[in-house]
Amino acid sequence: LDKARAAKEKVEMVRDTVTGFASEYYDEHIQPTVDSYS
């Protein structure tokens, strides 16, 4: 149970990090291009 909780915390930490990077990348690189194409 302890190992499962630790693994869950690591997965959530990685998920939060990846989500943060993806949202920043979208805001800085994808969104301006989408606006001009739209």
Full PDB file with SEQRES, HELIX, SHEET, SSBOND, CRYST1, ORIGX, SCALE, CONECT and MASTER records, all heavy atoms in Angstrom:
SEQRES   1 A   38  LEU ASP LYS ALA ARG ALA ALA LYS GLU LYS VAL GLU MET          
SEQRES   2 A   38  VAL ARG ASP THR VAL THR GLY PHE ALA SER GLU TYR TYR          
SEQRES   3 A   38  ASP GLU HIS ILE GLN PRO THR VAL ASP SER TYR SER              
HELIX    1 AA1 ASP A    2  TYR A   25  1                                  24    
HELIX    2 AA2 TYR A   26  ILE A   30  3                                   5    
HELIX    3 AA3 GLN A   31  TYR A   37  1                                   7    
CRYST1    1.000    1.000    1.000  90.00  90.00  90.00 P 1           1          
ORIGX1      1.000000  0.000000  0.000000        0.00000                         
ORIGX2      0.000000  1.000000  0.000000        0.00000                         
ORIGX3      0.000000  0.000000  1.000000        0.00000                         
SCALE1      1.000000  0.000000  0.000000        0.00000                         
SCALE2      0.000000  1.000000  0.000000        0.00000                         
SCALE3      0.000000  0.000000  1.000000        0.00000                         
ATOM      1  N   LEU A   1       0.822  -1.199   0.000  1.00  0.00           N  
ATOM      2  CA  LEU A   1       0.000   0.000   0.000  1.00  0.00           C  
ATOM      3  C   LEU A   1       0.861   1.257   0.000  1.00  0.00           C  
ATOM      4  O   LEU A   1       0.593   2.209  -0.737  1.00  0.00           O  
ATOM      5  CB  LEU A   1      -0.937  -0.014   1.214  1.00  0.00           C  
ATOM      6  CG  LEU A   1      -1.930   1.137   1.324  1.00  0.00           C  
ATOM      7  CD1 LEU A   1      -2.884   1.131   0.139  1.00  0.00           C  
ATOM      8  CD2 LEU A   1      -2.701   1.019   2.617  1.00  0.00           C  
ATOM      9  N   ASP A   2       1.917   1.253   0.806  1.00  0.00           N  
ATOM     10  CA  ASP A   2       2.826   2.403   0.841  1.00  0.00           C  
ATOM     11  C   ASP A   2       3.506   2.619  -0.508  1.00  0.00           C  
ATOM     12  O   ASP A   2       3.625   3.752  -0.982  1.00  0.00           O  
ATOM     13  CB  ASP A   2       3.878   2.213   1.934  1.00  0.00           C  
ATOM     14  CG  ASP A   2       3.273   2.257   3.339  1.00  0.00           C  
ATOM     15  OD1 ASP A   2       2.149   2.791   3.470  1.00  0.00           O  
ATOM     16  OD2 ASP A   2       3.926   1.759   4.279  1.00  0.00           O  
ATOM     17  N   LYS A   3       3.952   1.513  -1.135  1.00  0.00           N  
ATOM     18  CA  LYS A   3       4.595   1.646  -2.444  1.00  0.00           C  
ATOM     19  C   LYS A   3       3.607   2.131  -3.498  1.00  0.00           C  
ATOM     20  O   LYS A   3       3.961   2.927  -4.361  1.00  0.00           O  
ATOM     21  CB  LYS A   3       5.205   0.312  -2.867  1.00  0.00           C  
ATOM     22  CG  LYS A   3       6.451  -0.026  -2.093  1.00  0.00           C  
ATOM     23  CD  LYS A   3       7.127  -1.256  -2.622  1.00  0.00           C  
ATOM     24  CE  LYS A   3       8.379  -1.519  -1.787  1.00  0.00           C  
ATOM     25  NZ  LYS A   3       9.247  -2.485  -2.418  1.00  0.00           N  
ATOM     26  N   ALA A   4       2.370   1.683  -3.416  1.00  0.00           N  
ATOM     27  CA  ALA A   4       1.353   2.130  -4.368  1.00  0.00           C  
ATOM     28  C   ALA A   4       1.074   3.618  -4.196  1.00  0.00           C  
ATOM     29  O   ALA A   4       0.931   4.350  -5.179  1.00  0.00           O  
ATOM     30  CB  ALA A   4       0.074   1.323  -4.187  1.00  0.00           C  
ATOM     31  N   ARG A   5       1.010   4.075  -2.960  1.00  0.00           N  
ATOM     32  CA  ARG A   5       0.798   5.509  -2.717  1.00  0.00           C  
ATOM     33  C   ARG A   5       1.962   6.344  -3.229  1.00  0.00           C  
ATOM     34  O   ARG A   5       1.767   7.395  -3.839  1.00  0.00           O  
ATOM     35  CB  ARG A   5       0.593   5.758  -1.226  1.00  0.00           C  
ATOM     36  CG  ARG A   5      -0.760   5.338  -0.734  1.00  0.00           C  
ATOM     37  CD  ARG A   5      -0.960   5.662   0.725  1.00  0.00           C  
ATOM     38  NE  ARG A   5      -2.262   5.197   1.179  1.00  0.00           N  
ATOM     39  CZ  ARG A   5      -2.522   4.784   2.388  1.00  0.00           C  
ATOM     40  NH1 ARG A   5      -1.569   4.781   3.305  1.00  0.00           N  
ATOM     41  NH2 ARG A   5      -3.731   4.374   2.707  1.00  0.00           N  
ATOM     42  N   ALA A   6       3.192   5.871  -3.003  1.00  0.00           N  
ATOM     43  CA  ALA A   6       4.366   6.596  -3.483  1.00  0.00           C  
ATOM     44  C   ALA A   6       4.374   6.649  -5.010  1.00  0.00           C  
ATOM     45  O   ALA A   6       4.676   7.693  -5.602  1.00  0.00           O  
ATOM     46  CB  ALA A   6       5.643   5.941  -2.964  1.00  0.00           C  
ATOM     47  N   ALA A   7       4.021   5.551  -5.643  1.00  0.00           N  
ATOM     48  CA  ALA A   7       3.974   5.523  -7.108  1.00  0.00           C  
ATOM     49  C   ALA A   7       2.899   6.467  -7.629  1.00  0.00           C  
ATOM     50  O   ALA A   7       3.109   7.172  -8.622  1.00  0.00           O  
ATOM     51  CB  ALA A   7       3.722   4.106  -7.597  1.00  0.00           C  
ATOM     52  N   LYS A   8       1.766   6.503  -6.938  1.00  0.00           N  
ATOM     53  CA  LYS A   8       0.682   7.397  -7.351  1.00  0.00           C  
ATOM     54  C   LYS A   8       1.121   8.856  -7.244  1.00  0.00           C  
ATOM     55  O   LYS A   8       0.835   9.665  -8.128  1.00  0.00           O  
ATOM     56  CB  LYS A   8      -0.552   7.147  -6.482  1.00  0.00           C  
ATOM     57  CG  LYS A   8      -1.734   8.010  -6.845  1.00  0.00           C  
ATOM     58  CD  LYS A   8      -2.906   7.764  -5.922  1.00  0.00           C  
ATOM     59  CE  LYS A   8      -4.022   8.749  -6.225  1.00  0.00           C  
ATOM     60  NZ  LYS A   8      -5.092   8.683  -5.242  1.00  0.00           N  
ATOM     61  N   GLU A   9       1.818   9.193  -6.172  1.00  0.00           N  
ATOM     62  CA  GLU A   9       2.301  10.566  -6.004  1.00  0.00           C  
ATOM     63  C   GLU A   9       3.290  10.936  -7.105  1.00  0.00           C  
ATOM     64  O   GLU A   9       3.242  12.049  -7.637  1.00  0.00           O  
ATOM     65  CB  GLU A   9       2.943  10.731  -4.627  1.00  0.00           C  
ATOM     66  CG  GLU A   9       1.952  10.699  -3.477  1.00  0.00           C  
ATOM     67  CD  GLU A   9       2.638  10.701  -2.114  1.00  0.00           C  
ATOM     68  OE1 GLU A   9       3.883  10.751  -2.060  1.00  0.00           O  
ATOM     69  OE2 GLU A   9       1.911  10.645  -1.103  1.00  0.00           O  
ATOM     70  N   LYS A  10       4.181  10.013  -7.460  1.00  0.00           N  
ATOM     71  CA  LYS A  10       5.145  10.289  -8.530  1.00  0.00           C  
ATOM     72  C   LYS A  10       4.436  10.493  -9.859  1.00  0.00           C  
ATOM     73  O   LYS A  10       4.777  11.405 -10.620  1.00  0.00           O  
ATOM     74  CB  LYS A  10       6.152   9.148  -8.646  1.00  0.00           C  
ATOM     75  CG  LYS A  10       7.174   9.123  -7.550  1.00  0.00           C  
ATOM     76  CD  LYS A  10       8.156   7.986  -7.748  1.00  0.00           C  
ATOM     77  CE  LYS A  10       9.138   7.906  -6.585  1.00  0.00           C  
ATOM     78  NZ  LYS A  10      10.079   6.786  -6.756  1.00  0.00           N  
ATOM     79  N   VAL A  11       3.450   9.655 -10.136  1.00  0.00           N  
ATOM     80  CA  VAL A  11       2.712   9.774 -11.391  1.00  0.00           C  
ATOM     81  C   VAL A  11       1.969  11.103 -11.446  1.00  0.00           C  
ATOM     82  O   VAL A  11       1.963  11.782 -12.472  1.00  0.00           O  
ATOM     83  CB  VAL A  11       1.742   8.585 -11.567  1.00  0.00           C  
ATOM     84  CG1 VAL A  11       0.745   8.838 -12.682  1.00  0.00           C  
ATOM     85  CG2 VAL A  11       2.512   7.310 -11.825  1.00  0.00           C  
ATOM     86  N   GLU A  12       1.352  11.498 -10.347  1.00  0.00           N  
ATOM     87  CA  GLU A  12       0.646  12.781 -10.314  1.00  0.00           C  
ATOM     88  C   GLU A  12       1.608  13.945 -10.491  1.00  0.00           C  
ATOM     89  O   GLU A  12       1.288  14.922 -11.174  1.00  0.00           O  
ATOM     90  CB  GLU A  12      -0.142  12.918  -9.010  1.00  0.00           C  
ATOM     91  CG  GLU A  12      -1.353  12.017  -8.938  1.00  0.00           C  
ATOM     92  CD  GLU A  12      -2.061  12.062  -7.600  1.00  0.00           C  
ATOM     93  OE1 GLU A  12      -1.510  12.661  -6.644  1.00  0.00           O  
ATOM     94  OE2 GLU A  12      -3.161  11.499  -7.512  1.00  0.00           O  
ATOM     95  N   MET A  13       2.798  13.854  -9.899  1.00  0.00           N  
ATOM     96  CA  MET A  13       3.789  14.910 -10.048  1.00  0.00           C  
ATOM     97  C   MET A  13       4.239  15.027 -11.505  1.00  0.00           C  
ATOM     98  O   MET A  13       4.315  16.131 -12.058  1.00  0.00           O  
ATOM     99  CB  MET A  13       4.994  14.627  -9.141  1.00  0.00           C  
ATOM    100  CG  MET A  13       6.042  15.723  -9.162  1.00  0.00           C  
ATOM    101  SD  MET A  13       7.437  15.385  -8.078  1.00  0.00           S  
ATOM    102  CE  MET A  13       8.174  13.981  -8.907  1.00  0.00           C  
ATOM    103  N   VAL A  14       4.498  13.896 -12.140  1.00  0.00           N  
ATOM    104  CA  VAL A  14       4.905  13.914 -13.546  1.00  0.00           C  
ATOM    105  C   VAL A  14       3.780  14.444 -14.421  1.00  0.00           C  
ATOM    106  O   VAL A  14       4.006  15.229 -15.341  1.00  0.00           O  
ATOM    107  CB  VAL A  14       5.347  12.495 -13.990  1.00  0.00           C  
ATOM    108  CG1 VAL A  14       5.516  12.412 -15.489  1.00  0.00           C  
ATOM    109  CG2 VAL A  14       6.633  12.099 -13.291  1.00  0.00           C  
ATOM    110  N   ARG A  15       2.530  14.027 -14.119  1.00  0.00           N  
ATOM    111  CA  ARG A  15       1.383  14.510 -14.891  1.00  0.00           C  
ATOM    112  C   ARG A  15       1.254  16.023 -14.786  1.00  0.00           C  
ATOM    113  O   ARG A  15       1.042  16.709 -15.785  1.00  0.00           O  
ATOM    114  CB  ARG A  15       0.111  13.843 -14.384  1.00  0.00           C  
ATOM    115  CG  ARG A  15      -1.125  14.245 -15.192  1.00  0.00           C  
ATOM    116  CD  ARG A  15      -2.407  13.924 -14.489  1.00  0.00           C  
ATOM    117  NE  ARG A  15      -2.467  14.716 -13.259  1.00  0.00           N  
ATOM    118  CZ  ARG A  15      -3.231  14.428 -12.230  1.00  0.00           C  
ATOM    119  NH1 ARG A  15      -3.975  13.364 -12.243  1.00  0.00           N  
ATOM    120  NH2 ARG A  15      -3.241  15.196 -11.166  1.00  0.00           N  
ATOM    121  N   ASP A  16       1.405  16.559 -13.579  1.00  0.00           N  
ATOM    122  CA  ASP A  16       1.302  18.006 -13.395  1.00  0.00           C  
ATOM    123  C   ASP A  16       2.405  18.739 -14.151  1.00  0.00           C  
ATOM    124  O   ASP A  16       2.164  19.779 -14.772  1.00  0.00           O  
ATOM    125  CB  ASP A  16       1.350  18.354 -11.909  1.00  0.00           C  
ATOM    126  CG  ASP A  16       0.122  17.859 -11.154  1.00  0.00           C  
ATOM    127  OD1 ASP A  16      -0.905  17.580 -11.805  1.00  0.00           O  
ATOM    128  OD2 ASP A  16       0.205  17.752  -9.909  1.00  0.00           O  
ATOM    129  N   THR A  17       3.616  18.191 -14.118  1.00  0.00           N  
ATOM    130  CA  THR A  17       4.733  18.818 -14.818  1.00  0.00           C  
ATOM    131  C   THR A  17       4.502  18.819 -16.323  1.00  0.00           C  
ATOM    132  O   THR A  17       4.684  19.840 -16.996  1.00  0.00           O  
ATOM    133  CB  THR A  17       6.049  18.079 -14.494  1.00  0.00           C  
ATOM    134  OG1 THR A  17       6.227  18.062 -13.080  1.00  0.00           O  
ATOM    135  CG2 THR A  17       7.228  18.748 -15.147  1.00  0.00           C  
ATOM    136  N   VAL A  18       4.095  17.683 -16.865  1.00  0.00           N  
ATOM    137  CA  VAL A  18       3.853  17.587 -18.304  1.00  0.00           C  
ATOM    138  C   VAL A  18       2.706  18.491 -18.720  1.00  0.00           C  
ATOM    139  O   VAL A  18       2.779  19.161 -19.759  1.00  0.00           O  
ATOM    140  CB  VAL A  18       3.588  16.116 -18.702  1.00  0.00           C  
ATOM    141  CG1 VAL A  18       3.075  16.007 -20.119  1.00  0.00           C  
ATOM    142  CG2 VAL A  18       4.842  15.289 -18.533  1.00  0.00           C  
ATOM    143  N   THR A  19       1.657  18.550 -17.915  1.00  0.00           N  
ATOM    144  CA  THR A  19       0.526  19.420 -18.226  1.00  0.00           C  
ATOM    145  C   THR A  19       0.961  20.889 -18.231  1.00  0.00           C  
ATOM    146  O   THR A  19       0.559  21.652 -19.109  1.00  0.00           O  
ATOM    147  CB  THR A  19      -0.604  19.217 -17.207  1.00  0.00           C  
ATOM    148  OG1 THR A  19      -0.979  17.838 -17.212  1.00  0.00           O  
ATOM    149  CG2 THR A  19      -1.808  20.056 -17.533  1.00  0.00           C  
ATOM    150  N   GLY A  20       1.788  21.267 -17.274  1.00  0.00           N  
ATOM    151  CA  GLY A  20       2.290  22.636 -17.227  1.00  0.00           C  
ATOM    152  C   GLY A  20       3.116  22.983 -18.455  1.00  0.00           C  
ATOM    153  O   GLY A  20       2.927  24.044 -19.065  1.00  0.00           O  
ATOM    154  N   PHE A  21       4.046  22.093 -18.823  1.00  0.00           N  
ATOM    155  CA  PHE A  21       4.863  22.341 -20.017  1.00  0.00           C  
ATOM    156  C   PHE A  21       3.996  22.403 -21.272  1.00  0.00           C  
ATOM    157  O   PHE A  21       4.195  23.267 -22.137  1.00  0.00           O  
ATOM    158  CB  PHE A  21       5.926  21.259 -20.188  1.00  0.00           C  
ATOM    159  CG  PHE A  21       7.130  21.457 -19.314  1.00  0.00           C  
ATOM    160  CD1 PHE A  21       7.608  20.416 -18.547  1.00  0.00           C  
ATOM    161  CD2 PHE A  21       7.800  22.668 -19.267  1.00  0.00           C  
ATOM    162  CE1 PHE A  21       8.713  20.577 -17.736  1.00  0.00           C  
ATOM    163  CE2 PHE A  21       8.912  22.846 -18.472  1.00  0.00           C  
ATOM    164  CZ  PHE A  21       9.372  21.798 -17.692  1.00  0.00           C  
ATOM    165  N   ALA A  22       3.043  21.513 -21.388  1.00  0.00           N  
ATOM    166  CA  ALA A  22       2.191  21.483 -22.582  1.00  0.00           C  
ATOM    167  C   ALA A  22       1.345  22.752 -22.688  1.00  0.00           C  
ATOM    168  O   ALA A  22       1.202  23.311 -23.780  1.00  0.00           O  
ATOM    169  CB  ALA A  22       1.298  20.247 -22.550  1.00  0.00           C  
ATOM    170  N   SER A  23       0.801  23.212 -21.575  1.00  0.00           N  
ATOM    171  CA  SER A  23      -0.016  24.427 -21.632  1.00  0.00           C  
ATOM    172  C   SER A  23       0.833  25.655 -21.965  1.00  0.00           C  
ATOM    173  O   SER A  23       0.405  26.517 -22.734  1.00  0.00           O  
ATOM    174  CB  SER A  23      -0.777  24.625 -20.330  1.00  0.00           C  
ATOM    175  OG  SER A  23       0.114  24.879 -19.267  1.00  0.00           O  
ATOM    176  N   GLU A  24       2.036  25.733 -21.411  1.00  0.00           N  
ATOM    177  CA  GLU A  24       2.931  26.848 -21.748  1.00  0.00           C  
ATOM    178  C   GLU A  24       3.324  26.809 -23.219  1.00  0.00           C  
ATOM    179  O   GLU A  24       3.339  27.837 -23.897  1.00  0.00           O  
ATOM    180  CB  GLU A  24       4.187  26.814 -20.868  1.00  0.00           C  
ATOM    181  CG  GLU A  24       3.952  27.254 -19.442  1.00  0.00           C  
ATOM    182  CD  GLU A  24       3.487  28.702 -19.353  1.00  0.00           C  
ATOM    183  OE1 GLU A  24       4.042  29.571 -20.077  1.00  0.00           O  
ATOM    184  OE2 GLU A  24       2.575  28.960 -18.559  1.00  0.00           O  
ATOM    185  N   TYR A  25       3.650  25.630 -23.731  1.00  0.00           N  
ATOM    186  CA  TYR A  25       4.020  25.498 -25.134  1.00  0.00           C  
ATOM    187  C   TYR A  25       2.858  25.909 -26.027  1.00  0.00           C  
ATOM    188  O   TYR A  25       3.035  26.609 -27.020  1.00  0.00           O  
ATOM    189  CB  TYR A  25       4.448  24.058 -25.443  1.00  0.00           C  
ATOM    190  CG  TYR A  25       4.895  23.869 -26.868  1.00  0.00           C  
ATOM    191  CD1 TYR A  25       6.181  24.203 -27.259  1.00  0.00           C  
ATOM    192  CD2 TYR A  25       4.023  23.360 -27.826  1.00  0.00           C  
ATOM    193  CE1 TYR A  25       6.593  24.044 -28.558  1.00  0.00           C  
ATOM    194  CE2 TYR A  25       4.422  23.197 -29.139  1.00  0.00           C  
ATOM    195  CZ  TYR A  25       5.711  23.529 -29.499  1.00  0.00           C  
ATOM    196  OH  TYR A  25       6.118  23.382 -30.795  1.00  0.00           O  
ATOM    197  N   TYR A  26       1.655  25.475 -25.669  1.00  0.00           N  
ATOM    198  CA  TYR A  26       0.474  25.837 -26.459  1.00  0.00           C  
ATOM    199  C   TYR A  26       0.268  27.347 -26.457  1.00  0.00           C  
ATOM    200  O   TYR A  26       0.029  27.948 -27.504  1.00  0.00           O  
ATOM    201  CB  TYR A  26      -0.768  25.136 -25.902  1.00  0.00           C  
ATOM    202  CG  TYR A  26      -2.031  25.498 -26.635  1.00  0.00           C  
ATOM    203  CD1 TYR A  26      -2.344  24.892 -27.838  1.00  0.00           C  
ATOM    204  CD2 TYR A  26      -2.904  26.456 -26.122  1.00  0.00           C  
ATOM    205  CE1 TYR A  26      -3.499  25.219 -28.525  1.00  0.00           C  
ATOM    206  CE2 TYR A  26      -4.056  26.796 -26.801  1.00  0.00           C  
ATOM    207  CZ  TYR A  26      -4.348  26.183 -28.003  1.00  0.00           C  
ATOM    208  OH  TYR A  26      -5.486  26.525 -28.680  1.00  0.00           O  
ATOM    209  N   ASP A  27       0.362  27.957 -25.279  1.00  0.00           N  
ATOM    210  CA  ASP A  27       0.139  29.402 -25.178  1.00  0.00           C  
ATOM    211  C   ASP A  27       1.172  30.199 -25.963  1.00  0.00           C  
ATOM    212  O   ASP A  27       0.858  31.221 -26.567  1.00  0.00           O  
ATOM    213  CB  ASP A  27       0.153  29.845 -23.712  1.00  0.00           C  
ATOM    214  CG  ASP A  27      -1.063  29.351 -22.946  1.00  0.00           C  
ATOM    215  OD1 ASP A  27      -2.061  28.980 -23.596  1.00  0.00           O  
ATOM    216  OD2 ASP A  27      -0.998  29.325 -21.693  1.00  0.00           O  
ATOM    217  N   GLU A  28       2.439  29.743 -25.959  1.00  0.00           N  
ATOM    218  CA  GLU A  28       3.506  30.501 -26.601  1.00  0.00           C  
ATOM    219  C   GLU A  28       3.678  30.187 -28.091  1.00  0.00           C  
ATOM    220  O   GLU A  28       4.080  31.055 -28.857  1.00  0.00           O  
ATOM    221  CB  GLU A  28       4.821  30.251 -25.871  1.00  0.00           C  
ATOM    222  CG  GLU A  28       4.837  30.822 -24.468  1.00  0.00           C  
ATOM    223  CD  GLU A  28       6.118  30.504 -23.727  1.00  0.00           C  
ATOM    224  OE1 GLU A  28       7.045  29.940 -24.342  1.00  0.00           O  
ATOM    225  OE2 GLU A  28       6.185  30.817 -22.531  1.00  0.00           O  
ATOM    226  N   HIS A  29       3.400  28.961 -28.519  1.00  0.00           N  
ATOM    227  CA  HIS A  29       3.726  28.577 -29.882  1.00  0.00           C  
ATOM    228  C   HIS A  29       2.509  28.233 -30.743  1.00  0.00           C  
ATOM    229  O   HIS A  29       2.485  28.560 -31.928  1.00  0.00           O  
ATOM    230  CB  HIS A  29       4.678  27.370 -29.879  1.00  0.00           C  
ATOM    231  CG  HIS A  29       5.975  27.660 -29.199  1.00  0.00           C  
ATOM    232  ND1 HIS A  29       6.970  28.393 -29.790  1.00  0.00           N  
ATOM    233  CD2 HIS A  29       6.429  27.338 -27.968  1.00  0.00           C  
ATOM    234  CE1 HIS A  29       7.989  28.502 -28.958  1.00  0.00           C  
ATOM    235  NE2 HIS A  29       7.696  27.860 -27.835  1.00  0.00           N  
ATOM    236  N   ILE A  30       1.541  27.584 -30.198  1.00  0.00           N  
ATOM    237  CA  ILE A  30       0.415  27.111 -30.994  1.00  0.00           C  
ATOM    238  C   ILE A  30      -0.679  28.166 -31.116  1.00  0.00           C  
ATOM    239  O   ILE A  30      -1.180  28.423 -32.211  1.00  0.00           O  
ATOM    240  CB  ILE A  30      -0.182  25.812 -30.389  1.00  0.00           C  
ATOM    241  CG1 ILE A  30       0.896  24.746 -30.219  1.00  0.00           C  
ATOM    242  CG2 ILE A  30      -1.334  25.301 -31.213  1.00  0.00           C  
ATOM    243  CD1 ILE A  30       1.484  24.232 -31.487  1.00  0.00           C  
ATOM    244  N   GLN A  31      -1.044  28.794 -30.029  1.00  0.00           N  
ATOM    245  CA  GLN A  31      -2.150  29.748 -30.021  1.00  0.00           C  
ATOM    246  C   GLN A  31      -1.952  30.895 -31.008  1.00  0.00           C  
ATOM    247  O   GLN A  31      -2.890  31.220 -31.744  1.00  0.00           O  
ATOM    248  CB  GLN A  31      -2.383  30.280 -28.604  1.00  0.00           C  
ATOM    249  CG  GLN A  31      -3.614  31.139 -28.461  1.00  0.00           C  
ATOM    250  CD  GLN A  31      -4.892  30.371 -28.717  1.00  0.00           C  
ATOM    251  OE1 GLN A  31      -4.992  29.205 -28.384  1.00  0.00           O  
ATOM    252  NE2 GLN A  31      -5.861  31.012 -29.329  1.00  0.00           N  
ATOM    253  N   PRO A  32      -0.776  31.548 -31.097  1.00  0.00           N  
ATOM    254  CA  PRO A  32      -0.621  32.626 -32.082  1.00  0.00           C  
ATOM    255  C   PRO A  32      -0.813  32.138 -33.521  1.00  0.00           C  
ATOM    256  O   PRO A  32      -1.396  32.838 -34.347  1.00  0.00           O  
ATOM    257  CB  PRO A  32       0.816  33.114 -31.862  1.00  0.00           C  
ATOM    258  CG  PRO A  32       1.159  32.704 -30.475  1.00  0.00           C  
ATOM    259  CD  PRO A  32       0.406  31.444 -30.239  1.00  0.00           C  
ATOM    260  N   THR A  33      -0.356  30.954 -33.824  1.00  0.00           N  
ATOM    261  CA  THR A  33      -0.506  30.406 -35.172  1.00  0.00           C  
ATOM    262  C   THR A  33      -1.966  30.088 -35.462  1.00  0.00           C  
ATOM    263  O   THR A  33      -2.460  30.354 -36.557  1.00  0.00           O  
ATOM    264  CB  THR A  33       0.340  29.122 -35.317  1.00  0.00           C  
ATOM    265  OG1 THR A  33       1.668  29.411 -34.933  1.00  0.00           O  
ATOM    266  CG2 THR A  33       0.324  28.603 -36.722  1.00  0.00           C  
ATOM    267  N   VAL A  34      -2.659  29.550 -34.486  1.00  0.00           N  
ATOM    268  CA  VAL A  34      -4.068  29.213 -34.661  1.00  0.00           C  
ATOM    269  C   VAL A  34      -4.885  30.466 -34.930  1.00  0.00           C  
ATOM    270  O   VAL A  34      -5.766  30.472 -35.794  1.00  0.00           O  
ATOM    271  CB  VAL A  34      -4.597  28.456 -33.418  1.00  0.00           C  
ATOM    272  CG1 VAL A  34      -6.108  28.330 -33.451  1.00  0.00           C  
ATOM    273  CG2 VAL A  34      -3.960  27.096 -33.326  1.00  0.00           C  
ATOM    274  N   ASP A  35      -4.586  31.544 -34.223  1.00  0.00           N  
ATOM    275  CA  ASP A  35      -5.324  32.783 -34.430  1.00  0.00           C  
ATOM    276  C   ASP A  35      -5.160  33.305 -35.852  1.00  0.00           C  
ATOM    277  O   ASP A  35      -6.127  33.700 -36.497  1.00  0.00           O  
ATOM    278  CB  ASP A  35      -4.880  33.844 -33.423  1.00  0.00           C  
ATOM    279  CG  ASP A  35      -5.350  33.544 -32.014  1.00  0.00           C  
ATOM    280  OD1 ASP A  35      -6.295  32.743 -31.862  1.00  0.00           O  
ATOM    281  OD2 ASP A  35      -4.756  34.092 -31.062  1.00  0.00           O  
ATOM    282  N   SER A  36      -3.924  33.295 -36.372  1.00  0.00           N  
ATOM    283  CA  SER A  36      -3.716  33.793 -37.726  1.00  0.00           C  
ATOM    284  C   SER A  36      -4.390  32.895 -38.758  1.00  0.00           C  
ATOM    285  O   SER A  36      -4.983  33.377 -39.729  1.00  0.00           O  
ATOM    286  CB  SER A  36      -2.217  33.931 -38.023  1.00  0.00           C  
ATOM    287  OG  SER A  36      -1.597  32.662 -38.031  1.00  0.00           O  
ATOM    288  N   TYR A  37      -4.326  31.586 -38.564  1.00  0.00           N  
ATOM    289  CA  TYR A  37      -4.985  30.682 -39.501  1.00  0.00           C  
ATOM    290  C   TYR A  37      -6.501  30.795 -39.434  1.00  0.00           C  
ATOM    291  O   TYR A  37      -7.183  30.697 -40.455  1.00  0.00           O  
ATOM    292  CB  TYR A  37      -4.572  29.228 -39.253  1.00  0.00           C  
ATOM    293  CG  TYR A  37      -3.226  28.886 -39.826  1.00  0.00           C  
ATOM    294  CD1 TYR A  37      -2.242  28.346 -39.026  1.00  0.00           C  
ATOM    295  CD2 TYR A  37      -2.938  29.110 -41.166  1.00  0.00           C  
ATOM    296  CE1 TYR A  37      -0.992  28.035 -39.545  1.00  0.00           C  
ATOM    297  CE2 TYR A  37      -1.700  28.804 -41.690  1.00  0.00           C  
ATOM    298  CZ  TYR A  37      -0.728  28.262 -40.881  1.00  0.00           C  
ATOM    299  OH  TYR A  37       0.483  27.962 -41.394  1.00  0.00           O  
ATOM    300  N   SER A  38      -7.037  31.008 -38.260  1.00  0.00           N  
ATOM    301  CA  SER A  38      -8.496  31.139 -38.157  1.00  0.00           C  
ATOM    302  C   SER A  38      -8.952  32.438 -38.820  1.00  0.00           C  
ATOM    303  O   SER A  38     -10.007  32.468 -39.461  1.00  0.00           O  
ATOM    304  CB  SER A  38      -8.949  31.072 -36.703  1.00  0.00           C  
ATOM    305  OG  SER A  38      -8.418  32.141 -35.968  1.00  0.00           O  
TER     306      SER A  38                                                      
MASTER        0    0    0    3    0    0    0    6  305    1    0    3          
END                                                                             
